[in-house]
């Protein structure tokens, strides 16, 4: 699936608080006070987890509806930390899924499998390449 997303982030000297513009939506991000910020919004890493959690929840909702399964609610809890995996410093994301509804164990196992197929999960799993697409104007 090809897709293209665009977001503009602006920091106008308000210490670390930055505003992100995504289409018609505006989001605020900041750092906690103990890191010199004013805690006026989630951190960038919290936004990464938010994007992943929302994508997982939406993907599972779409799948359950398509299958006609009684998934009344899904909760996606995520934690992220730095650690060592296969002798390399890595980012580790822990995921816990909770379901409410009339789902049997086979359906729950299938939903756990499908959770890893959401587009954001695939993006974070890489490979991801960074390119500069134009010089910024002063």
N, C-alpha and C. Protein backbone atom coordinates (compact mmCIF):
# COMPACT_ATOMS: atom_id res chain seq x y z
N UNK A 1 0.84 -1.18 0.00
CA UNK A 1 0.00 0.00 0.00
C UNK A 1 0.89 1.24 0.00
N UNK A 2 0.67 2.11 -0.94
CA UNK A 2 1.42 3.36 -0.97
C UNK A 2 0.62 4.42 -0.23
N UNK A 3 1.31 5.24 0.51
CA UNK A 3 0.66 6.34 1.20
C UNK A 3 1.68 7.43 1.43
N UNK A 4 1.17 8.60 1.67
CA UNK A 4 2.05 9.72 1.93
C UNK A 4 1.40 10.55 3.03
N UNK A 5 2.12 10.80 4.08
CA UNK A 5 1.64 11.61 5.19
C UNK A 5 2.50 12.84 5.29
N UNK A 6 1.93 13.93 5.76
CA UNK A 6 2.67 15.16 5.94
C UNK A 6 2.32 15.78 7.28
N UNK A 7 3.31 16.30 7.96
CA UNK A 7 3.11 16.98 9.23
C UNK A 7 4.11 18.11 9.32
N UNK A 8 3.71 19.22 9.90
CA UNK A 8 4.58 20.36 10.09
C UNK A 8 4.69 20.62 11.59
N UNK A 9 5.91 20.65 12.12
CA UNK A 9 6.14 20.93 13.54
C UNK A 9 6.88 22.25 13.66
N UNK A 10 6.38 23.12 14.54
CA UNK A 10 6.97 24.44 14.73
C UNK A 10 7.29 24.66 16.20
N UNK A 11 8.52 25.09 16.47
CA UNK A 11 8.93 25.52 17.81
C UNK A 11 9.33 26.98 17.67
N UNK A 12 8.63 27.84 18.40
CA UNK A 12 8.88 29.28 18.30
C UNK A 12 9.55 29.82 19.55
N UNK A 13 10.44 29.06 20.13
CA UNK A 13 11.21 29.55 21.26
C UNK A 13 10.54 29.38 22.61
N UNK A 14 9.48 28.63 22.68
CA UNK A 14 8.79 28.39 23.96
C UNK A 14 9.44 27.26 24.72
N UNK A 15 10.73 27.36 24.95
CA UNK A 15 11.55 26.28 25.52
C UNK A 15 11.39 25.08 24.59
N UNK A 16 10.77 23.99 25.07
CA UNK A 16 10.66 22.79 24.25
C UNK A 16 9.28 22.59 23.65
N UNK A 17 8.29 23.30 24.14
CA UNK A 17 6.94 23.11 23.61
C UNK A 17 6.91 23.39 22.11
N UNK A 18 6.36 22.45 21.38
CA UNK A 18 6.26 22.56 19.93
C UNK A 18 4.84 22.23 19.51
N UNK A 19 4.42 22.82 18.41
CA UNK A 19 3.08 22.58 17.88
C UNK A 19 3.21 21.79 16.58
N UNK A 20 2.43 20.74 16.48
CA UNK A 20 2.41 19.92 15.28
C UNK A 20 1.09 20.15 14.56
N UNK A 21 1.18 20.36 13.26
CA UNK A 21 0.00 20.58 12.44
C UNK A 21 -0.13 19.41 11.48
N UNK A 22 -1.21 18.67 11.63
CA UNK A 22 -1.49 17.51 10.80
C UNK A 22 -2.87 17.70 10.18
N UNK A 23 -2.90 18.16 8.95
CA UNK A 23 -4.18 18.46 8.33
C UNK A 23 -4.89 19.56 9.11
N UNK A 24 -6.11 19.30 9.53
CA UNK A 24 -6.87 20.29 10.29
C UNK A 24 -6.67 20.14 11.80
N UNK A 25 -5.74 19.30 12.22
CA UNK A 25 -5.51 19.04 13.63
C UNK A 25 -4.22 19.70 14.11
N UNK A 26 -4.26 20.21 15.35
CA UNK A 26 -3.07 20.79 15.96
C UNK A 26 -2.80 20.05 17.26
N UNK A 27 -1.56 19.61 17.43
CA UNK A 27 -1.15 18.87 18.62
C UNK A 27 0.00 19.60 19.29
N UNK A 28 0.05 19.52 20.61
CA UNK A 28 1.12 20.14 21.37
C UNK A 28 2.02 19.06 21.95
N UNK A 29 3.31 19.27 21.87
CA UNK A 29 4.27 18.35 22.48
C UNK A 29 5.25 19.13 23.33
N UNK A 30 5.77 18.50 24.37
CA UNK A 30 6.68 19.17 25.28
C UNK A 30 7.51 18.11 25.99
N UNK A 31 8.37 18.57 26.86
CA UNK A 31 9.15 17.70 27.73
C UNK A 31 8.66 17.92 29.16
N UNK A 32 8.85 16.93 30.04
CA UNK A 32 8.45 17.11 31.43
C UNK A 32 9.32 18.17 32.12
N UNK A 33 8.82 18.70 33.21
CA UNK A 33 9.53 19.75 33.94
C UNK A 33 10.92 19.31 34.38
N UNK A 34 11.07 18.04 34.77
CA UNK A 34 12.37 17.56 35.24
C UNK A 34 13.42 17.53 34.13
N UNK A 35 12.98 17.65 32.87
CA UNK A 35 13.91 17.72 31.75
C UNK A 35 13.97 19.12 31.15
N UNK A 36 13.43 20.10 31.88
CA UNK A 36 13.51 21.49 31.44
C UNK A 36 12.31 21.99 30.66
N UNK A 37 11.33 21.15 30.43
CA UNK A 37 10.13 21.57 29.72
C UNK A 37 9.09 22.12 30.68
N UNK A 38 7.92 22.35 30.15
CA UNK A 38 6.81 22.85 30.97
C UNK A 38 5.66 21.84 31.04
N UNK A 39 5.87 20.65 30.50
CA UNK A 39 4.89 19.57 30.56
C UNK A 39 3.54 19.99 29.98
N UNK A 40 3.56 20.72 28.86
CA UNK A 40 2.32 21.21 28.25
C UNK A 40 1.74 20.25 27.21
N UNK A 41 2.36 19.11 27.06
CA UNK A 41 1.87 18.12 26.11
C UNK A 41 2.67 16.85 26.23
N UNK A 42 2.23 15.80 25.57
CA UNK A 42 2.99 14.55 25.59
C UNK A 42 4.38 14.73 25.00
N UNK A 43 5.28 13.84 25.37
CA UNK A 43 6.62 13.84 24.79
C UNK A 43 6.56 13.20 23.40
N UNK A 44 7.61 13.39 22.64
CA UNK A 44 7.67 12.79 21.30
C UNK A 44 7.56 11.26 21.38
N UNK A 45 8.21 10.66 22.37
CA UNK A 45 8.11 9.20 22.50
C UNK A 45 6.70 8.77 22.87
N UNK A 46 6.00 9.57 23.67
CA UNK A 46 4.60 9.24 23.98
C UNK A 46 3.74 9.31 22.72
N UNK A 47 4.05 10.25 21.83
CA UNK A 47 3.31 10.31 20.57
C UNK A 47 3.60 9.09 19.69
N UNK A 48 4.81 8.58 19.72
CA UNK A 48 5.10 7.35 18.98
C UNK A 48 4.23 6.21 19.50
N UNK A 49 4.18 6.07 20.82
CA UNK A 49 3.35 5.01 21.41
C UNK A 49 1.87 5.25 21.13
N UNK A 50 1.45 6.52 21.15
CA UNK A 50 0.05 6.85 20.85
C UNK A 50 -0.30 6.42 19.43
N UNK A 51 0.56 6.75 18.48
CA UNK A 51 0.31 6.38 17.08
C UNK A 51 0.21 4.86 16.94
N UNK A 52 1.11 4.15 17.58
CA UNK A 52 1.08 2.70 17.51
C UNK A 52 -0.18 2.14 18.16
N UNK A 53 -0.49 2.62 19.36
CA UNK A 53 -1.68 2.12 20.07
C UNK A 53 -2.97 2.38 19.32
N UNK A 54 -3.09 3.58 18.75
CA UNK A 54 -4.30 3.89 17.98
C UNK A 54 -4.39 3.02 16.73
N UNK A 55 -3.28 2.83 16.07
CA UNK A 55 -3.27 2.01 14.86
C UNK A 55 -3.66 0.56 15.19
N UNK A 56 -3.12 0.03 16.27
CA UNK A 56 -3.46 -1.34 16.68
C UNK A 56 -4.95 -1.43 16.99
N UNK A 57 -5.48 -0.49 17.78
CA UNK A 57 -6.89 -0.52 18.15
C UNK A 57 -7.80 -0.43 16.92
N UNK A 58 -7.47 0.48 16.01
CA UNK A 58 -8.28 0.64 14.80
C UNK A 58 -8.20 -0.60 13.92
N UNK A 59 -7.01 -1.15 13.75
CA UNK A 59 -6.83 -2.36 12.95
C UNK A 59 -7.63 -3.51 13.53
N UNK A 60 -7.58 -3.68 14.85
CA UNK A 60 -8.33 -4.76 15.49
C UNK A 60 -9.83 -4.55 15.37
N UNK A 61 -10.29 -3.30 15.51
CA UNK A 61 -11.72 -3.01 15.35
C UNK A 61 -12.18 -3.36 13.93
N UNK A 62 -11.41 -2.94 12.94
CA UNK A 62 -11.77 -3.23 11.55
C UNK A 62 -11.82 -4.74 11.29
N UNK A 63 -10.84 -5.45 11.82
CA UNK A 63 -10.77 -6.90 11.61
C UNK A 63 -11.95 -7.60 12.28
N UNK A 64 -12.21 -7.24 13.54
CA UNK A 64 -13.31 -7.88 14.28
C UNK A 64 -14.65 -7.61 13.60
N UNK A 65 -14.86 -6.39 13.13
CA UNK A 65 -16.11 -6.06 12.44
C UNK A 65 -16.23 -6.85 11.14
N UNK A 66 -15.14 -6.95 10.39
CA UNK A 66 -15.17 -7.70 9.13
C UNK A 66 -15.50 -9.18 9.37
N UNK A 67 -15.01 -9.72 10.49
CA UNK A 67 -15.26 -11.12 10.82
C UNK A 67 -16.61 -11.33 11.51
N UNK A 68 -17.26 -10.23 11.94
CA UNK A 68 -18.52 -10.35 12.66
C UNK A 68 -18.34 -10.80 14.11
N UNK A 69 -17.16 -10.55 14.68
CA UNK A 69 -16.88 -10.95 16.05
C UNK A 69 -17.40 -9.91 17.04
N UNK A 70 -17.78 -10.38 18.22
CA UNK A 70 -18.31 -9.51 19.27
C UNK A 70 -17.16 -8.95 20.12
N UNK A 71 -16.39 -8.04 19.55
CA UNK A 71 -15.35 -7.35 20.31
C UNK A 71 -15.93 -5.99 20.70
N UNK A 72 -16.36 -5.89 21.95
CA UNK A 72 -16.99 -4.65 22.41
C UNK A 72 -15.96 -3.58 22.73
N UNK A 73 -14.79 -4.01 23.18
CA UNK A 73 -13.77 -3.04 23.59
C UNK A 73 -12.40 -3.69 23.47
N UNK A 74 -11.41 -2.88 23.07
CA UNK A 74 -10.02 -3.32 23.11
C UNK A 74 -9.22 -2.22 23.79
N UNK A 75 -8.34 -2.61 24.68
CA UNK A 75 -7.40 -1.69 25.31
C UNK A 75 -5.99 -2.09 24.89
N UNK A 76 -5.21 -1.09 24.49
CA UNK A 76 -3.83 -1.32 24.07
C UNK A 76 -2.94 -0.52 25.01
N UNK A 77 -2.19 -1.21 25.85
CA UNK A 77 -1.25 -0.54 26.76
C UNK A 77 0.16 -0.78 26.24
N UNK A 78 0.94 0.30 26.14
CA UNK A 78 2.29 0.22 25.59
C UNK A 78 3.29 0.88 26.51
N UNK A 79 4.48 0.30 26.59
CA UNK A 79 5.61 0.87 27.31
C UNK A 79 6.83 0.76 26.41
N UNK A 80 7.73 1.73 26.54
CA UNK A 80 8.93 1.73 25.71
C UNK A 80 10.13 1.99 26.60
N UNK A 81 11.21 1.26 26.32
CA UNK A 81 12.45 1.48 27.05
C UNK A 81 13.64 1.12 26.17
N UNK A 82 14.79 1.59 26.58
CA UNK A 82 16.04 1.21 25.91
C UNK A 82 16.56 -0.05 26.59
N UNK A 83 17.14 -0.93 25.81
CA UNK A 83 17.68 -2.16 26.37
C UNK A 83 18.62 -2.81 25.37
N UNK A 84 19.11 -3.96 25.73
CA UNK A 84 20.02 -4.72 24.87
C UNK A 84 19.27 -5.93 24.32
N UNK A 85 19.26 -6.04 23.00
CA UNK A 85 18.66 -7.19 22.32
C UNK A 85 19.69 -7.70 21.33
N UNK A 86 20.00 -8.99 21.44
CA UNK A 86 20.99 -9.61 20.56
C UNK A 86 22.30 -8.82 20.54
N UNK A 87 22.75 -8.43 21.73
CA UNK A 87 24.01 -7.71 21.94
C UNK A 87 24.04 -6.31 21.30
N UNK A 88 22.87 -5.74 20.99
CA UNK A 88 22.82 -4.39 20.43
C UNK A 88 21.87 -3.53 21.26
N UNK A 89 22.27 -2.26 21.47
CA UNK A 89 21.35 -1.34 22.13
C UNK A 89 20.13 -1.16 21.24
N UNK A 90 18.96 -1.32 21.83
CA UNK A 90 17.72 -1.31 21.05
C UNK A 90 16.62 -0.59 21.81
N UNK A 91 15.59 -0.23 21.09
CA UNK A 91 14.36 0.26 21.69
C UNK A 91 13.42 -0.93 21.78
N UNK A 92 12.87 -1.14 22.97
CA UNK A 92 11.98 -2.26 23.21
C UNK A 92 10.60 -1.70 23.54
N UNK A 93 9.59 -2.14 22.80
CA UNK A 93 8.22 -1.73 23.05
C UNK A 93 7.45 -2.94 23.56
N UNK A 94 6.86 -2.79 24.75
CA UNK A 94 6.05 -3.83 25.35
C UNK A 94 4.58 -3.50 25.09
N UNK A 95 3.81 -4.53 24.73
CA UNK A 95 2.40 -4.32 24.41
C UNK A 95 1.54 -5.28 25.22
N UNK A 96 0.45 -4.75 25.78
CA UNK A 96 -0.54 -5.58 26.47
C UNK A 96 -1.90 -5.28 25.85
N UNK A 97 -2.60 -6.31 25.42
CA UNK A 97 -3.94 -6.16 24.85
C UNK A 97 -4.97 -6.73 25.80
N UNK A 98 -6.07 -6.00 26.00
CA UNK A 98 -7.20 -6.48 26.80
C UNK A 98 -8.45 -6.36 25.94
N UNK A 99 -9.26 -7.41 25.95
CA UNK A 99 -10.47 -7.44 25.13
C UNK A 99 -11.69 -7.59 26.01
N UNK A 100 -12.77 -6.95 25.60
CA UNK A 100 -14.07 -7.15 26.22
C UNK A 100 -15.02 -7.57 25.11
N UNK A 101 -15.77 -8.61 25.36
CA UNK A 101 -16.71 -9.11 24.37
C UNK A 101 -16.78 -10.62 24.42
N UNK A 102 -17.58 -11.18 23.58
CA UNK A 102 -17.77 -12.62 23.53
C UNK A 102 -16.78 -13.21 22.52
N UNK A 103 -15.53 -13.34 22.97
CA UNK A 103 -14.44 -13.84 22.13
C UNK A 103 -13.87 -15.11 22.74
N UNK A 104 -13.65 -16.14 21.90
CA UNK A 104 -13.02 -17.35 22.42
C UNK A 104 -11.49 -17.21 22.31
N UNK A 105 -10.78 -18.17 22.86
CA UNK A 105 -9.31 -18.11 22.89
C UNK A 105 -8.70 -18.07 21.48
N UNK A 106 -9.30 -18.81 20.56
CA UNK A 106 -8.79 -18.82 19.19
C UNK A 106 -8.92 -17.43 18.55
N UNK A 107 -10.05 -16.77 18.80
CA UNK A 107 -10.24 -15.41 18.26
C UNK A 107 -9.26 -14.43 18.89
N UNK A 108 -9.05 -14.55 20.20
CA UNK A 108 -8.11 -13.66 20.89
C UNK A 108 -6.70 -13.85 20.35
N UNK A 109 -6.28 -15.09 20.15
CA UNK A 109 -4.95 -15.34 19.59
C UNK A 109 -4.83 -14.76 18.18
N UNK A 110 -5.89 -14.87 17.40
CA UNK A 110 -5.86 -14.30 16.05
C UNK A 110 -5.75 -12.78 16.12
N UNK A 111 -6.48 -12.15 17.04
CA UNK A 111 -6.42 -10.69 17.19
C UNK A 111 -5.02 -10.25 17.61
N UNK A 112 -4.37 -11.01 18.48
CA UNK A 112 -3.00 -10.69 18.88
C UNK A 112 -2.05 -10.76 17.69
N UNK A 113 -2.27 -11.72 16.82
CA UNK A 113 -1.47 -11.84 15.60
C UNK A 113 -1.72 -10.65 14.67
N UNK A 114 -2.98 -10.30 14.49
CA UNK A 114 -3.37 -9.20 13.60
C UNK A 114 -2.84 -7.87 14.12
N UNK A 115 -2.72 -7.72 15.43
CA UNK A 115 -2.23 -6.46 16.02
C UNK A 115 -0.86 -6.08 15.46
N UNK A 116 -0.05 -7.06 15.14
CA UNK A 116 1.29 -6.79 14.62
C UNK A 116 1.28 -6.47 13.13
N UNK A 117 0.12 -6.48 12.51
CA UNK A 117 0.00 -6.18 11.08
C UNK A 117 -0.44 -4.75 10.82
N UNK A 118 -0.68 -3.96 11.87
CA UNK A 118 -1.14 -2.59 11.64
C UNK A 118 -0.04 -1.79 10.94
N UNK A 119 -0.41 -0.80 10.11
CA UNK A 119 0.58 -0.05 9.34
C UNK A 119 1.67 0.62 10.17
N UNK A 120 1.33 1.15 11.33
CA UNK A 120 2.36 1.81 12.15
C UNK A 120 3.33 0.78 12.71
N UNK A 121 2.84 -0.38 13.12
CA UNK A 121 3.73 -1.45 13.60
C UNK A 121 4.70 -1.84 12.50
N UNK A 122 4.19 -1.97 11.28
CA UNK A 122 5.07 -2.33 10.16
C UNK A 122 6.09 -1.23 9.89
N UNK A 123 5.67 0.03 10.00
CA UNK A 123 6.60 1.14 9.79
C UNK A 123 7.71 1.12 10.84
N UNK A 124 7.33 0.96 12.11
CA UNK A 124 8.32 0.96 13.19
C UNK A 124 9.24 -0.25 13.11
N UNK A 125 8.77 -1.33 12.52
CA UNK A 125 9.58 -2.53 12.39
C UNK A 125 10.64 -2.39 11.31
N UNK A 126 10.52 -1.35 10.50
CA UNK A 126 11.54 -1.00 9.53
C UNK A 126 11.52 -1.86 8.29
N UNK A 127 12.44 -1.63 7.41
CA UNK A 127 13.43 -0.55 7.53
C UNK A 127 12.79 0.82 7.28
N UNK A 128 13.34 1.82 7.93
CA UNK A 128 12.91 3.20 7.76
C UNK A 128 14.11 4.00 7.30
N UNK A 129 13.93 4.81 6.28
CA UNK A 129 15.01 5.63 5.75
C UNK A 129 14.63 7.10 5.88
N UNK A 130 15.58 7.93 6.22
CA UNK A 130 15.35 9.36 6.35
C UNK A 130 16.01 10.08 5.19
N UNK A 131 15.26 10.96 4.58
CA UNK A 131 15.77 11.74 3.45
C UNK A 131 15.40 13.20 3.67
N UNK A 132 16.29 14.10 3.25
CA UNK A 132 15.97 15.53 3.28
C UNK A 132 15.28 15.84 1.96
N UNK A 133 14.05 16.40 2.03
CA UNK A 133 13.34 16.60 0.78
C UNK A 133 13.39 18.01 0.24
N UNK A 134 13.85 18.98 1.04
CA UNK A 134 14.12 20.31 0.53
C UNK A 134 14.82 21.12 1.60
N UNK A 135 15.54 22.11 1.17
CA UNK A 135 16.22 22.99 2.12
C UNK A 135 15.20 23.90 2.77
N UNK A 136 15.35 24.13 4.07
CA UNK A 136 14.44 25.02 4.77
C UNK A 136 14.84 26.46 4.52
N UNK A 137 13.85 27.31 4.41
CA UNK A 137 14.11 28.73 4.23
C UNK A 137 14.29 29.39 5.58
N UNK A 138 15.11 30.44 5.63
CA UNK A 138 15.35 31.16 6.87
C UNK A 138 14.23 32.14 7.11
